[in-house]
N, C-alpha and C. Protein backbone atom coordinates (compact mmCIF):
# COMPACT_ATOMS: atom_id res chain seq x y z
N MET A 1 -15.38 55.94 -53.36
CA MET A 1 -15.37 57.37 -52.84
C MET A 1 -16.35 57.88 -52.73
N GLN A 2 -16.34 58.17 -51.20
CA GLN A 2 -17.77 59.26 -50.82
C GLN A 2 -17.29 60.54 -51.04
N PRO A 3 -18.65 61.15 -51.38
CA PRO A 3 -18.31 62.47 -51.49
C PRO A 3 -17.87 63.35 -50.13
N THR A 4 -17.46 64.51 -50.26
CA THR A 4 -17.16 65.13 -48.83
C THR A 4 -18.37 65.85 -48.35
N PRO A 5 -18.58 65.64 -47.09
CA PRO A 5 -19.40 66.11 -46.42
C PRO A 5 -19.78 67.63 -46.35
N ARG A 6 -20.71 68.09 -46.29
CA ARG A 6 -21.31 69.55 -46.34
C ARG A 6 -20.75 70.03 -45.13
N PRO A 7 -20.27 71.69 -45.14
CA PRO A 7 -20.36 71.96 -43.75
C PRO A 7 -21.34 72.47 -42.87
N PRO A 8 -21.28 72.45 -42.16
CA PRO A 8 -22.75 72.75 -41.18
C PRO A 8 -23.04 74.19 -41.57
N PRO A 9 -24.54 74.40 -41.68
CA PRO A 9 -24.95 75.62 -41.75
C PRO A 9 -24.57 77.00 -40.92
N PRO A 10 -24.49 78.06 -41.35
CA PRO A 10 -23.71 79.22 -40.53
C PRO A 10 -24.91 79.12 -39.53
N ARG A 11 -24.43 79.89 -38.64
CA ARG A 11 -25.30 80.03 -37.28
C ARG A 11 -26.24 81.37 -37.61
N PRO A 12 -27.36 81.30 -36.83
CA PRO A 12 -28.33 82.18 -37.13
C PRO A 12 -27.67 83.48 -36.83
N GLY A 13 -28.17 84.67 -37.70
CA GLY A 13 -27.36 86.03 -37.38
C GLY A 13 -26.21 86.08 -37.91
N TYR A 14 -25.48 85.23 -38.39
CA TYR A 14 -24.24 85.19 -38.81
C TYR A 14 -24.22 86.06 -40.50
N VAL A 15 -23.59 86.99 -40.58
CA VAL A 15 -23.67 87.56 -41.89
C VAL A 15 -21.88 87.41 -42.33
N ARG A 16 -21.75 86.60 -43.61
CA ARG A 16 -20.38 86.60 -44.28
C ARG A 16 -20.11 87.85 -44.62
N PRO A 17 -18.74 88.11 -44.33
CA PRO A 17 -18.13 89.48 -44.58
C PRO A 17 -18.23 89.31 -46.22
N LYS A 18 -18.36 90.65 -47.00
CA LYS A 18 -18.25 90.64 -47.98
C LYS A 18 -16.70 90.76 -48.36
N HIS A 19 -15.67 91.24 -48.08
CA HIS A 19 -14.13 91.26 -48.19
C HIS A 19 -13.79 91.04 -46.95
N TYR A 20 -12.31 90.73 -47.25
CA TYR A 20 -11.22 90.60 -46.06
C TYR A 20 -10.22 91.78 -46.31
N ALA A 21 -9.48 92.03 -45.04
CA ALA A 21 -8.60 93.37 -45.56
C ALA A 21 -7.26 92.53 -45.95
N TRP A 22 -6.26 93.08 -47.00
CA TRP A 22 -5.52 92.54 -47.35
C TRP A 22 -4.34 92.21 -46.15
N ALA A 23 -4.36 92.48 -45.18
CA ALA A 23 -3.24 92.23 -44.09
C ALA A 23 -3.76 91.21 -43.60
N ALA A 24 -4.75 91.01 -43.23
CA ALA A 24 -5.84 89.57 -42.48
C ALA A 24 -5.44 88.62 -43.73
N LEU A 25 -5.70 88.39 -45.00
CA LEU A 25 -5.66 87.69 -46.17
C LEU A 25 -3.85 87.25 -46.14
N LEU A 26 -3.12 88.09 -45.94
CA LEU A 26 -1.56 87.62 -45.90
C LEU A 26 -1.29 86.88 -44.80
N GLU A 27 -1.95 87.03 -43.48
CA GLU A 27 -1.73 86.79 -42.17
C GLU A 27 -2.29 85.03 -42.46
N ARG A 28 -3.50 84.90 -42.85
CA ARG A 28 -3.97 83.63 -43.11
C ARG A 28 -3.26 83.04 -44.24
N THR A 29 -2.62 83.60 -45.41
CA THR A 29 -2.23 82.71 -46.05
C THR A 29 -0.75 82.15 -45.85
N PHE A 30 0.22 83.15 -45.21
CA PHE A 30 1.64 83.11 -45.28
C PHE A 30 1.62 83.06 -43.59
N ALA A 31 1.05 83.45 -42.53
CA ALA A 31 1.17 83.10 -41.28
C ALA A 31 2.09 84.10 -41.27
N VAL A 32 2.11 85.45 -41.38
CA VAL A 32 3.00 86.40 -41.35
C VAL A 32 1.96 87.98 -40.88
N ASP A 33 2.39 88.53 -39.88
CA ASP A 33 1.47 89.79 -39.57
C ASP A 33 2.28 91.28 -39.83
N VAL A 34 1.95 91.27 -41.38
CA VAL A 34 2.59 92.74 -42.13
C VAL A 34 2.38 93.74 -41.25
N LEU A 35 1.52 93.96 -40.15
CA LEU A 35 1.25 95.02 -39.61
C LEU A 35 2.30 95.23 -38.15
N ALA A 36 2.86 94.39 -37.79
CA ALA A 36 3.65 94.16 -36.95
C ALA A 36 4.63 95.03 -36.80
N CYS A 37 4.95 96.01 -36.35
CA CYS A 37 6.36 96.76 -36.35
C CYS A 37 7.53 95.91 -36.17
N PRO A 38 8.37 95.83 -37.05
CA PRO A 38 9.45 94.65 -36.96
C PRO A 38 10.72 95.27 -35.60
N ASP A 39 10.66 96.59 -35.19
CA ASP A 39 11.13 96.96 -34.12
C ASP A 39 10.89 96.93 -32.97
N CYS A 40 9.36 96.94 -32.35
CA CYS A 40 9.03 97.17 -31.13
C CYS A 40 7.86 96.13 -31.23
N GLY A 41 7.07 95.61 -32.22
CA GLY A 41 6.19 94.75 -32.07
C GLY A 41 4.72 95.27 -32.15
N GLY A 42 4.86 96.58 -32.10
CA GLY A 42 3.31 97.41 -31.92
C GLY A 42 2.83 97.18 -33.37
N ARG A 43 1.40 97.93 -33.58
CA ARG A 43 0.85 98.03 -34.52
C ARG A 43 1.26 98.99 -35.55
N LEU A 44 1.28 98.81 -36.89
CA LEU A 44 1.24 99.56 -37.87
C LEU A 44 0.02 99.97 -37.86
N ARG A 45 -0.07 101.15 -38.93
CA ARG A 45 -1.30 101.92 -39.43
C ARG A 45 -0.99 102.57 -40.81
N PHE A 46 -1.80 102.56 -41.43
CA PHE A 46 -1.73 103.43 -42.86
C PHE A 46 -2.13 104.71 -42.29
N ILE A 47 -1.28 105.87 -42.94
CA ILE A 47 -1.86 107.05 -42.89
C ILE A 47 -2.20 107.75 -44.13
N ALA A 48 -1.43 107.26 -45.39
CA ALA A 48 -2.42 107.59 -46.71
C ALA A 48 -1.59 106.65 -47.74
N THR A 49 -2.47 106.78 -48.87
CA THR A 49 -1.74 106.13 -50.15
C THR A 49 -1.50 107.21 -51.04
N ILE A 50 -0.41 106.98 -51.41
CA ILE A 50 0.05 108.23 -52.67
C ILE A 50 0.07 107.23 -53.80
N GLU A 51 -0.12 107.99 -54.51
CA GLU A 51 -0.67 107.85 -56.19
C GLU A 51 -0.50 108.56 -57.05
N ASP A 52 -0.17 109.85 -56.59
CA ASP A 52 0.57 110.68 -57.65
C ASP A 52 2.05 110.38 -57.71
N ARG A 53 2.45 110.49 -59.28
CA ARG A 53 3.87 109.87 -59.50
C ARG A 53 4.78 111.22 -59.26
N THR A 54 4.36 112.24 -59.25
CA THR A 54 5.42 113.26 -58.90
C THR A 54 5.85 113.35 -57.61
N VAL A 55 4.88 113.16 -56.80
CA VAL A 55 5.07 113.20 -55.28
C VAL A 55 5.82 111.51 -54.93
N ILE A 56 5.54 110.78 -55.36
CA ILE A 56 6.06 109.75 -55.47
C ILE A 56 7.71 109.70 -55.83
N GLU A 57 8.03 110.38 -56.87
CA GLU A 57 9.60 110.79 -57.32
C GLU A 57 10.38 111.37 -56.53
N LYS A 58 9.51 112.47 -55.84
CA LYS A 58 9.96 113.55 -54.81
C LYS A 58 10.48 112.58 -53.48
N ILE A 59 9.52 111.87 -53.01
CA ILE A 59 10.03 111.11 -51.72
C ILE A 59 10.99 110.09 -52.02
N LEU A 60 11.04 109.37 -53.35
CA LEU A 60 11.91 108.43 -53.49
C LEU A 60 13.46 109.12 -53.82
N ARG A 61 13.35 110.44 -54.52
CA ARG A 61 14.85 110.91 -54.59
C ARG A 61 15.05 111.83 -53.06
N HIS A 62 14.44 112.16 -52.31
CA HIS A 62 14.81 112.26 -51.10
C HIS A 62 15.45 110.94 -50.13
N LEU A 63 14.85 109.97 -50.55
CA LEU A 63 15.17 108.78 -49.73
C LEU A 63 16.55 108.06 -50.59
N LYS A 64 16.94 108.44 -51.86
CA LYS A 64 18.24 108.23 -52.65
C LYS A 64 17.72 106.70 -52.97
N LEU A 65 16.39 106.62 -53.63
CA LEU A 65 16.31 105.15 -54.05
C LEU A 65 15.80 105.34 -55.75
N ALA A 66 16.24 104.51 -56.55
CA ALA A 66 15.61 104.41 -57.79
C ALA A 66 14.23 104.88 -58.15
N ILE A 67 14.19 105.97 -59.17
CA ILE A 67 12.78 106.19 -59.18
C ILE A 67 11.97 105.38 -60.55
N ASP A 68 12.83 104.78 -61.61
CA ASP A 68 12.34 103.98 -62.54
C ASP A 68 12.45 102.19 -61.97
N PRO A 69 11.85 101.62 -62.46
CA PRO A 69 11.96 100.11 -61.68
C PRO A 69 13.21 99.76 -62.90
N PRO A 70 14.08 98.71 -62.33
CA PRO A 70 14.79 98.03 -62.80
C PRO A 70 13.99 97.28 -64.25
N ALA A 71 15.13 97.13 -65.42
CA ALA A 71 14.43 96.41 -66.68
C ALA A 71 14.49 94.95 -66.15
N PRO A 72 13.21 94.29 -66.66
CA PRO A 72 13.51 92.66 -66.38
C PRO A 72 14.84 92.08 -66.76
N ALA A 73 15.32 91.03 -66.34
CA ALA A 73 16.32 90.05 -67.02
C ALA A 73 15.64 89.37 -67.94
N PRO A 74 16.35 88.67 -69.18
CA PRO A 74 15.91 87.65 -69.82
C PRO A 74 15.69 86.66 -68.93
N ALA A 75 15.13 85.80 -69.35
CA ALA A 75 14.65 83.98 -68.78
C ALA A 75 15.58 83.25 -69.03
N ARG A 76 16.18 82.72 -68.25
CA ARG A 76 17.12 81.72 -68.50
C ARG A 76 16.70 80.41 -68.59
N VAL A 77 17.16 79.44 -69.27
CA VAL A 77 16.86 78.29 -69.66
C VAL A 77 17.62 77.06 -68.45
N PRO A 78 16.57 76.51 -67.60
CA PRO A 78 17.08 75.63 -66.83
C PRO A 78 18.40 74.91 -67.24
N ALA A 79 19.39 74.18 -66.40
CA ALA A 79 20.43 73.52 -67.01
C ALA A 79 19.96 71.85 -67.12
N TRP A 80 18.92 71.70 -66.54
CA TRP A 80 18.56 70.29 -66.90
C TRP A 80 17.32 69.92 -68.00
N LEU A 81 17.00 70.82 -68.80
CA LEU A 81 16.39 70.97 -69.84
C LEU A 81 17.37 70.79 -71.01
N PRO A 82 17.26 69.63 -71.57
CA PRO A 82 18.01 69.24 -72.79
C PRO A 82 17.94 69.75 -74.02
N GLY A 83 18.61 70.08 -74.80
CA GLY A 83 18.29 70.39 -76.40
C GLY A 83 18.82 72.12 -76.45
N PHE A 84 18.97 72.56 -75.25
CA PHE A 84 19.02 74.28 -74.99
C PHE A 84 20.26 74.51 -74.43
N ASP A 85 20.99 75.03 -75.11
CA ASP A 85 22.60 75.48 -74.74
C ASP A 85 22.42 76.77 -74.61
């Protein structure tokens, strides 16, 4: 078994990015453009990130959505696993 060949060295002047944007990583991983508008296909952009719990609760109440996350359901035993009923 031969070792895998090394990739070619980077071209002169190339600077490796220190990070990738989350949307670029999702697109590379799952081939889904998360910033494409589902209605018109235009580009979506962030306006703000909301971290204050009271503001989040106010928005969720206005949209008539649940404020608290649902409780997780207990794990189920797979039917194919012998010895557990």
